[in-house]
């Protein structure tokens, strides 16, 4: 599993994983109801102020934002075109706030503790036929395969550029989708072969 957790002795690290995940869900929902860019900027400053409290290095903030900078820029440009600069600023601030908040929870919570929390949270649905271990596994795989898919995308892009392609990277979506489906099939066979289906 990817090592996103950074060990520190801070109040945020000592919080139970369930409390942090619940706080993330509530704060994420609240951000969408804040009116205007001034409130969004205030929320962003509040979240940024939690990073020194967690004793996390500034480089981690930059690393958390790096994958979404281009995406946020594209969304803001589109919003500027259809709704004006104020709407673009509001959307951009909202996305950055949510990314920083999610990164803060990820960086201060051990991955195994997070998966156990997901599994315990899903235990109530066991009478309905839901396997909590599968919920935990699904959450683990979702986090694990984000960097794998990014690496595959960069590999496909490099291959296209080596062949002289100059078009936007969206044309890499087709090969990436095919590769992802093949990988998902292989993974499903591996999980089934290990008898995960019989765990309760």
Foldseek 3Di string as FASTA:
>chain_A
DDDLADDDPAPLLPDQLVVLVVVLVVVLVVLVVDDWLVVLVVLQVVLVVCCVRRVHDPVLLVVLCVVCPVVLVVQLVVCCVVPNNRVSSSSSSSVSSSSSSVSSSRHSYDLVSNLVSQLVVCVVCVVVVDRSNVRSVVVVVVVVCPVVLVVVLVVLVVVCVVVPDDDDSVVSVVVSVVVVVVVVVVVVVVCVVVVVVPDD
